[in-house]
Structures are given as structure tokens and as C-alpha cells.
Amino acid sequence: MGKRTRTPAPAPRRRELPDFTTLPDRVPPEALVTTQAASDAPDPEGGRDTETEFLLRNAAL
């Protein structure tokens, strides 16, 4: 019986990385605009005072 020889797996191809040694020019804040209509986020507490509710719920320890 002959010996099985193991062939080494081929080395993975190295991906060329982008060159970040020079960065693009800065964008002034005045030039930044939204492309969609933006609105305020909804109130997560729904207008309730959750701190007082927590205190009243857990005050009878």
C-alpha cells in the first residue's frame, strides 16, 4: 500500500486594502442636508412620569 501524501491547501488570496494615507476634503456642516424629512423621536415614556410611578409602585418594601 502506498502512503497518501497530503497536498497543502492553497494560500488565500490577499485582498488589496484601500489607501487611507490621504483623506478627502472635509465637508462643511452648512453643506450637510437630509434627503428625507426628519422629525423628533416620539416620547419613550408617553408623557408619563415614570420615576414617580416606579417610586409609588415599589415604596411598600
N, C-alpha and C. Protein backbone atom coordinates (compact mmCIF):
# COMPACT_ATOMS: atom_id res chain seq x y z
N MET A 1 0.83 -1.17 0.00
CA MET A 1 0.00 0.00 0.00
C MET A 1 0.88 1.24 0.00
N GLY A 2 0.44 2.18 -0.76
CA GLY A 2 1.22 3.40 -0.85
C GLY A 2 0.80 4.41 0.21
N LYS A 3 1.67 5.29 0.56
CA LYS A 3 1.35 6.33 1.54
C LYS A 3 0.59 7.45 0.84
N ARG A 4 -0.37 7.96 1.54
CA ARG A 4 -1.11 9.10 1.00
C ARG A 4 -0.33 10.37 1.34
N THR A 5 -0.16 11.18 0.37
CA THR A 5 0.51 12.46 0.62
C THR A 5 -0.56 13.54 0.65
N ARG A 6 -0.40 14.37 1.58
CA ARG A 6 -1.35 15.46 1.76
C ARG A 6 -0.85 16.69 1.02
N THR A 7 -1.69 17.22 0.16
CA THR A 7 -1.30 18.44 -0.56
C THR A 7 -1.73 19.63 0.28
N PRO A 8 -0.84 20.59 0.45
CA PRO A 8 -1.20 21.76 1.26
C PRO A 8 -2.29 22.57 0.57
N ALA A 9 -3.17 23.16 1.39
CA ALA A 9 -4.24 24.00 0.86
C ALA A 9 -3.63 25.26 0.27
N PRO A 10 -4.20 25.74 -0.81
CA PRO A 10 -3.65 26.96 -1.40
C PRO A 10 -3.87 28.14 -0.45
N ALA A 11 -2.91 29.03 -0.43
CA ALA A 11 -2.99 30.21 0.44
C ALA A 11 -4.13 31.10 -0.03
N PRO A 12 -4.89 31.67 0.91
CA PRO A 12 -5.99 32.54 0.49
C PRO A 12 -5.44 33.79 -0.20
N ARG A 13 -6.19 34.25 -1.18
CA ARG A 13 -5.75 35.45 -1.90
C ARG A 13 -5.90 36.66 -1.00
N ARG A 14 -4.89 37.48 -1.01
CA ARG A 14 -4.91 38.69 -0.19
C ARG A 14 -5.68 39.76 -0.92
N ARG A 15 -6.63 40.36 -0.21
CA ARG A 15 -7.43 41.43 -0.79
C ARG A 15 -6.68 42.74 -0.64
N GLU A 16 -6.65 43.52 -1.68
CA GLU A 16 -5.96 44.80 -1.61
C GLU A 16 -6.78 45.77 -0.78
N LEU A 17 -6.15 46.37 0.21
CA LEU A 17 -6.83 47.30 1.10
C LEU A 17 -6.80 48.72 0.53
N PRO A 18 -7.84 49.51 0.84
CA PRO A 18 -7.83 50.89 0.35
C PRO A 18 -6.73 51.71 1.03
N ASP A 19 -6.29 52.72 0.33
CA ASP A 19 -5.23 53.58 0.83
C ASP A 19 -5.85 54.76 1.58
N PHE A 20 -5.65 54.80 2.91
CA PHE A 20 -6.20 55.88 3.72
C PHE A 20 -5.13 56.85 4.19
N THR A 21 -4.02 56.92 3.49
CA THR A 21 -2.97 57.85 3.90
C THR A 21 -3.37 59.29 3.59
N THR A 22 -4.19 59.48 2.57
CA THR A 22 -4.70 60.82 2.28
C THR A 22 -6.22 60.76 2.33
N LEU A 23 -6.80 61.63 3.11
CA LEU A 23 -8.25 61.66 3.27
C LEU A 23 -8.87 62.71 2.36
N PRO A 24 -10.14 62.55 2.01
CA PRO A 24 -10.79 63.57 1.19
C PRO A 24 -10.98 64.85 1.98
N ASP A 25 -11.30 65.92 1.28
CA ASP A 25 -11.52 67.21 1.93
C ASP A 25 -12.70 67.13 2.88
N ARG A 26 -12.65 67.94 3.95
CA ARG A 26 -13.74 67.97 4.92
C ARG A 26 -14.98 68.61 4.30
N VAL A 27 -16.13 68.14 4.74
CA VAL A 27 -17.39 68.72 4.28
C VAL A 27 -17.85 69.71 5.34
N PRO A 28 -18.09 70.96 4.97
CA PRO A 28 -18.54 71.93 5.97
C PRO A 28 -19.94 71.57 6.47
N PRO A 29 -20.23 71.84 7.75
CA PRO A 29 -21.56 71.50 8.29
C PRO A 29 -22.71 72.17 7.55
N GLU A 30 -22.47 73.33 6.94
CA GLU A 30 -23.52 74.01 6.21
C GLU A 30 -23.94 73.23 4.97
N ALA A 31 -23.05 72.39 4.45
CA ALA A 31 -23.35 71.63 3.24
C ALA A 31 -24.09 70.32 3.54
N LEU A 32 -24.22 69.97 4.82
CA LEU A 32 -24.89 68.73 5.18
C LEU A 32 -26.39 68.95 5.22
N VAL A 33 -27.11 68.20 4.44
CA VAL A 33 -28.57 68.29 4.40
C VAL A 33 -29.15 66.89 4.45
N THR A 34 -30.39 66.77 4.91
CA THR A 34 -31.05 65.47 4.93
C THR A 34 -31.75 65.24 3.60
N THR A 35 -31.84 64.00 3.20
CA THR A 35 -32.53 63.68 1.96
C THR A 35 -33.95 63.24 2.22
N GLN A 36 -34.28 62.97 3.49
CA GLN A 36 -35.64 62.59 3.86
C GLN A 36 -36.12 63.55 4.95
N ALA A 37 -37.41 63.67 5.05
CA ALA A 37 -37.98 64.53 6.08
C ALA A 37 -37.65 63.94 7.45
N ALA A 38 -37.17 64.77 8.34
CA ALA A 38 -36.81 64.31 9.68
C ALA A 38 -37.74 64.94 10.70
N SER A 39 -38.07 64.17 11.73
CA SER A 39 -38.93 64.69 12.80
C SER A 39 -38.36 64.20 14.13
N ASP A 40 -38.85 64.79 15.21
CA ASP A 40 -38.39 64.40 16.53
C ASP A 40 -38.84 62.97 16.83
N ALA A 41 -38.06 62.28 17.63
CA ALA A 41 -38.43 60.93 18.04
C ALA A 41 -39.59 61.00 19.03
N PRO A 42 -40.45 60.00 19.02
CA PRO A 42 -41.57 60.02 19.98
C PRO A 42 -41.07 59.87 21.41
N ASP A 43 -41.86 60.40 22.34
CA ASP A 43 -41.50 60.34 23.76
C ASP A 43 -41.57 58.89 24.23
N PRO A 44 -40.45 58.30 24.71
CA PRO A 44 -40.48 56.89 25.10
C PRO A 44 -41.35 56.62 26.33
N GLU A 45 -41.56 57.62 27.17
CA GLU A 45 -42.39 57.43 28.35
C GLU A 45 -43.86 57.75 28.06
N GLY A 46 -44.16 58.25 26.92
CA GLY A 46 -45.54 58.57 26.56
C GLY A 46 -46.13 59.70 27.37
N GLY A 47 -45.30 60.62 27.86
CA GLY A 47 -45.79 61.75 28.63
C GLY A 47 -45.99 61.46 30.11
N ARG A 48 -45.73 60.24 30.55
CA ARG A 48 -45.91 59.88 31.96
C ARG A 48 -44.63 60.16 32.74
N ASP A 49 -44.77 60.32 34.04
CA ASP A 49 -43.62 60.49 34.92
C ASP A 49 -43.25 59.10 35.45
N THR A 50 -42.38 58.41 34.76
CA THR A 50 -42.06 57.03 35.11
C THR A 50 -41.28 56.92 36.41
N GLU A 51 -40.53 57.94 36.75
CA GLU A 51 -39.77 57.91 38.02
C GLU A 51 -40.73 57.89 39.21
N THR A 52 -41.76 58.74 39.18
CA THR A 52 -42.73 58.78 40.28
C THR A 52 -43.53 57.48 40.32
N GLU A 53 -43.92 56.95 39.16
CA GLU A 53 -44.64 55.69 39.13
C GLU A 53 -43.81 54.56 39.72
N PHE A 54 -42.54 54.51 39.42
CA PHE A 54 -41.65 53.49 39.98
C PHE A 54 -41.57 53.64 41.50
N LEU A 55 -41.43 54.86 41.96
CA LEU A 55 -41.35 55.11 43.41
C LEU A 55 -42.62 54.67 44.11
N LEU A 56 -43.79 54.99 43.58
CA LEU A 56 -45.05 54.62 44.20
C LEU A 56 -45.27 53.11 44.15
N ARG A 57 -44.87 52.48 43.07
CA ARG A 57 -45.05 51.05 42.93
C ARG A 57 -44.18 50.27 43.89
N ASN A 58 -42.97 50.74 44.17
CA ASN A 58 -42.01 50.00 44.96
C ASN A 58 -41.77 50.61 46.35
N ALA A 59 -42.60 51.52 46.79
CA ALA A 59 -42.37 52.19 48.07
C ALA A 59 -42.74 51.31 49.26
N ALA A 60 -43.57 50.31 49.07
CA ALA A 60 -44.05 49.49 50.18
C ALA A 60 -43.13 48.28 50.40
N LEU A 61 -41.88 48.52 50.54
CA LEU A 61 -40.96 47.39 50.78
C LEU A 61 -40.91 47.03 52.19
